[in-house]
Amino acid sequence: MSNRLPIFLMYIGIIVVIALCTADKQTETLAEQILEPPAEKESNTLDKIVKSDEDWRRILTPEQYRITRRKGTERSFTGKYHNFKGKGIYQYVCCGLDLFSSEAKFDSGTGWPSF
């Protein structure tokens, strides 16, 4: 029995070393993911658009201005897209970024298009 104890301890030691090495690699990989900036990838984004309030008023219709710049909303069950069934991509009127696909649109019963 005394001959088996050193072999058992050696196996335990090997298992501990392997576990520590694996943990270090996992920690290093996680640290790399957190600390390294994400790789540049193509996306549908633009730089921040900076315009004066007067510029936005000139560019947008009064309703678009109220909704996009003053956090307003359309009255429920109104608006040109309420019963709109056309296919396509809805875009933000201020910058042109894609917002939603018509394929994701559903009737939530609220009176506004839902995505």
C-alpha atoms as a PDB file:
ATOM      1  CA  MET A   1       0.000   0.000   0.000  1.00  0.00           C
ATOM      2  CA  SER A   2       2.861   2.385   0.706  1.00  0.00           C
ATOM      3  CA  ASN A   3       4.095   1.851  -2.885  1.00  0.00           C
ATOM      4  CA  ARG A   4       0.754   3.003  -4.301  1.00  0.00           C
ATOM      5  CA  LEU A   5       0.652   6.317  -2.415  1.00  0.00           C
ATOM      6  CA  PRO A   6       3.514   8.009  -4.329  1.00  0.00           C
ATOM      7  CA  ILE A   7       2.016   6.898  -7.668  1.00  0.00           C
ATOM      8  CA  PHE A   8      -1.424   8.150  -6.606  1.00  0.00           C
ATOM      9  CA  LEU A   9       0.073  11.509  -5.528  1.00  0.00           C
ATOM     10  CA  MET A  10       1.970  11.729  -8.822  1.00  0.00           C
ATOM     11  CA  TYR A  11      -1.285  11.232 -10.777  1.00  0.00           C
ATOM     12  CA  ILE A  12      -3.028  13.832  -8.648  1.00  0.00           C
ATOM     13  CA  GLY A  13      -0.145  16.218  -9.282  1.00  0.00           C
ATOM     14  CA  ILE A  14      -0.372  15.671 -13.040  1.00  0.00           C
ATOM     15  CA  ILE A  15      -4.127  16.270 -12.983  1.00  0.00           C
ATOM     16  CA  VAL A  16      -3.654  19.492 -10.982  1.00  0.00           C
ATOM     17  CA  VAL A  17      -0.949  20.746 -13.384  1.00  0.00           C
ATOM     18  CA  ILE A  18      -3.140  19.988 -16.420  1.00  0.00           C
ATOM     19  CA  ALA A  19      -6.104  21.716 -14.787  1.00  0.00           C
ATOM     20  CA  LEU A  20      -4.012  24.783 -13.956  1.00  0.00           C
ATOM     21  CA  CYS A  21      -2.579  24.984 -17.471  1.00  0.00           C
ATOM     22  CA  THR A  22      -6.025  24.676 -19.005  1.00  0.00           C
ATOM     23  CA  ALA A  23      -7.447  27.288 -16.620  1.00  0.00           C
ATOM     24  CA  ASP A  24      -4.618  29.698 -17.496  1.00  0.00           C
ATOM     25  CA  LYS A  25      -5.343  29.305 -21.220  1.00  0.00           C
ATOM     26  CA  GLN A  26      -9.060  29.839 -20.686  1.00  0.00           C
ATOM     27  CA  THR A  27      -8.397  32.883 -18.502  1.00  0.00           C
ATOM     28  CA  GLU A  28      -5.927  34.256 -21.043  1.00  0.00           C
ATOM     29  CA  THR A  29      -8.393  33.732 -23.865  1.00  0.00           C
ATOM     30  CA  LEU A  30     -11.150  35.441 -21.892  1.00  0.00           C
ATOM     31  CA  ALA A  31      -8.807  38.304 -20.983  1.00  0.00           C
ATOM     32  CA  GLU A  32      -7.819  38.684 -24.635  1.00  0.00           C
ATOM     33  CA  GLN A  33     -11.474  38.831 -25.647  1.00  0.00           C
ATOM     34  CA  ILE A  34     -12.211  41.483 -23.048  1.00  0.00           C
ATOM     35  CA  LEU A  35      -9.086  43.601 -23.516  1.00  0.00           C
ATOM     36  CA  GLU A  36      -8.621  43.440 -27.266  1.00  0.00           C
ATOM     37  CA  PRO A  37     -10.864  45.703 -29.288  1.00  0.00           C
ATOM     38  CA  PRO A  38     -13.275  43.848 -31.550  1.00  0.00           C
ATOM     39  CA  ALA A  39     -12.127  43.355 -35.112  1.00  0.00           C
ATOM     40  CA  GLU A  40     -13.356  45.898 -37.603  1.00  0.00           C
ATOM     41  CA  LYS A  41     -16.372  44.531 -39.389  1.00  0.00           C
ATOM     42  CA  GLU A  42     -18.745  45.876 -41.941  1.00  0.00           C
ATOM     43  CA  SER A  43     -21.884  47.185 -40.340  1.00  0.00           C
ATOM     44  CA  ASN A  44     -24.825  49.341 -41.158  1.00  0.00           C
ATOM     45  CA  THR A  45     -23.710  52.263 -39.013  1.00  0.00           C
ATOM     46  CA  LEU A  46     -22.831  55.884 -39.582  1.00  0.00           C
ATOM     47  CA  ASP A  47     -20.869  58.436 -37.640  1.00  0.00           C
ATOM     48  CA  LYS A  48     -22.939  60.593 -35.304  1.00  0.00           C
ATOM     49  CA  ILE A  49     -24.844  63.231 -37.222  1.00  0.00           C
ATOM     50  CA  VAL A  50     -24.601  66.659 -35.634  1.00  0.00           C
ATOM     51  CA  LYS A  51     -27.083  69.270 -36.830  1.00  0.00           C
ATOM     52  CA  SER A  52     -28.641  72.287 -35.213  1.00  0.00           C
ATOM     53  CA  ASP A  53     -32.302  72.256 -34.271  1.00  0.00           C
ATOM     54  CA  GLU A  54     -32.947  74.714 -37.111  1.00  0.00           C
ATOM     55  CA  ASP A  55     -31.259  72.352 -39.608  1.00  0.00           C
ATOM     56  CA  TRP A  56     -33.462  69.449 -38.483  1.00  0.00           C
ATOM     57  CA  ARG A  57     -36.585  71.613 -38.807  1.00  0.00           C
ATOM     58  CA  ARG A  58     -35.599  72.490 -42.400  1.00  0.00           C
ATOM     59  CA  ILE A  59     -34.833  68.873 -43.361  1.00  0.00           C
ATOM     60  CA  LEU A  60     -37.765  67.077 -41.715  1.00  0.00           C
ATOM     61  CA  THR A  61     -41.516  67.524 -42.047  1.00  0.00           C
ATOM     62  CA  PRO A  62     -43.192  68.915 -38.906  1.00  0.00           C
ATOM     63  CA  GLU A  63     -44.449  65.409 -37.985  1.00  0.00           C
ATOM     64  CA  GLN A  64     -41.045  63.799 -38.589  1.00  0.00           C
ATOM     65  CA  TYR A  65     -39.387  66.505 -36.479  1.00  0.00           C
ATOM     66  CA  ARG A  66     -41.864  66.066 -33.609  1.00  0.00           C
ATOM     67  CA  ILE A  67     -41.462  62.278 -33.591  1.00  0.00           C
ATOM     68  CA  THR A  68     -37.712  61.972 -34.162  1.00  0.00           C
ATOM     69  CA  ARG A  69     -36.336  65.024 -32.404  1.00  0.00           C
ATOM     70  CA  ARG A  70     -38.950  65.646 -29.680  1.00  0.00           C
ATOM     71  CA  LYS A  71     -39.738  62.018 -28.735  1.00  0.00           C
ATOM     72  CA  GLY A  72     -43.281  62.245 -30.061  1.00  0.00           C
ATOM     73  CA  THR A  73     -45.414  59.511 -31.606  1.00  0.00           C
ATOM     74  CA  GLU A  74     -48.153  59.149 -34.181  1.00  0.00           C
ATOM     75  CA  ARG A  75     -51.733  58.710 -33.019  1.00  0.00           C
ATOM     76  CA  SER A  76     -52.577  55.020 -32.876  1.00  0.00           C
ATOM     77  CA  PHE A  77     -54.358  53.461 -35.853  1.00  0.00           C
ATOM     78  CA  THR A  78     -53.134  56.298 -38.121  1.00  0.00           C
ATOM     79  CA  GLY A  79     -50.091  56.956 -40.257  1.00  0.00           C
ATOM     80  CA  LYS A  80     -49.213  55.761 -43.724  1.00  0.00           C
ATOM     81  CA  TYR A  81     -47.586  52.537 -42.445  1.00  0.00           C
ATOM     82  CA  HIS A  82     -50.447  51.398 -40.171  1.00  0.00           C
ATOM     83  CA  ASN A  83     -52.002  49.020 -42.727  1.00  0.00           C
ATOM     84  CA  PHE A  84     -49.036  49.003 -45.081  1.00  0.00           C
ATOM     85  CA  LYS A  85     -48.340  45.496 -46.435  1.00  0.00           C
ATOM     86  CA  GLY A  86     -45.460  46.273 -48.829  1.00  0.00           C
ATOM     87  CA  LYS A  87     -42.189  44.359 -48.640  1.00  0.00           C
ATOM     88  CA  GLY A  88     -38.930  46.095 -47.855  1.00  0.00           C
ATOM     89  CA  ILE A  89     -36.727  47.621 -45.195  1.00  0.00           C
ATOM     90  CA  TYR A  90     -37.897  50.430 -42.940  1.00  0.00           C
ATOM     91  CA  GLN A  91     -35.212  53.099 -42.552  1.00  0.00           C
ATOM     92  CA  TYR A  92     -34.647  55.895 -40.049  1.00  0.00           C
ATOM     93  CA  VAL A  93     -35.587  59.197 -41.675  1.00  0.00           C
ATOM     94  CA  CYS A  94     -32.761  61.179 -40.016  1.00  0.00           C
ATOM     95  CA  CYS A  95     -29.771  59.091 -41.117  1.00  0.00           C
ATOM     96  CA  GLY A  96     -31.047  56.388 -43.453  1.00  0.00           C
ATOM     97  CA  LEU A  97     -29.986  53.431 -41.285  1.00  0.00           C
ATOM     98  CA  ASP A  98     -31.981  50.241 -41.708  1.00  0.00           C
ATOM     99  CA  LEU A  99     -34.361  49.702 -38.790  1.00  0.00           C
ATOM    100  CA  PHE A 100     -36.617  46.746 -39.566  1.00  0.00           C
ATOM    101  CA  SER A 101     -37.501  44.351 -42.319  1.00  0.00           C
ATOM    102  CA  SER A 102     -41.152  44.157 -43.332  1.00  0.00           C
ATOM    103  CA  GLU A 103     -40.830  40.406 -42.755  1.00  0.00           C
ATOM    104  CA  ALA A 104     -40.540  41.092 -38.999  1.00  0.00           C
ATOM    105  CA  LYS A 105     -43.693  43.257 -38.858  1.00  0.00           C
ATOM    106  CA  PHE A 106     -46.677  41.941 -36.908  1.00  0.00           C
ATOM    107  CA  ASP A 107     -50.000  43.229 -35.602  1.00  0.00           C
ATOM    108  CA  SER A 108     -49.628  43.809 -31.875  1.00  0.00           C
ATOM    109  CA  GLY A 109     -53.109  45.287 -31.553  1.00  0.00           C
ATOM    110  CA  THR A 110     -51.679  48.590 -30.303  1.00  0.00           C
ATOM    111  CA  GLY A 111     -52.460  50.556 -33.469  1.00  0.00           C
ATOM    112  CA  TRP A 112     -48.799  51.002 -34.411  1.00  0.00           C
ATOM    113  CA  PRO A 113     -46.682  48.770 -36.633  1.00  0.00           C
ATOM    114  CA  SER A 114     -44.725  46.376 -34.409  1.00  0.00           C
ATOM    115  CA  PHE A 115     -41.475  44.586 -35.153  1.00  0.00           C
END
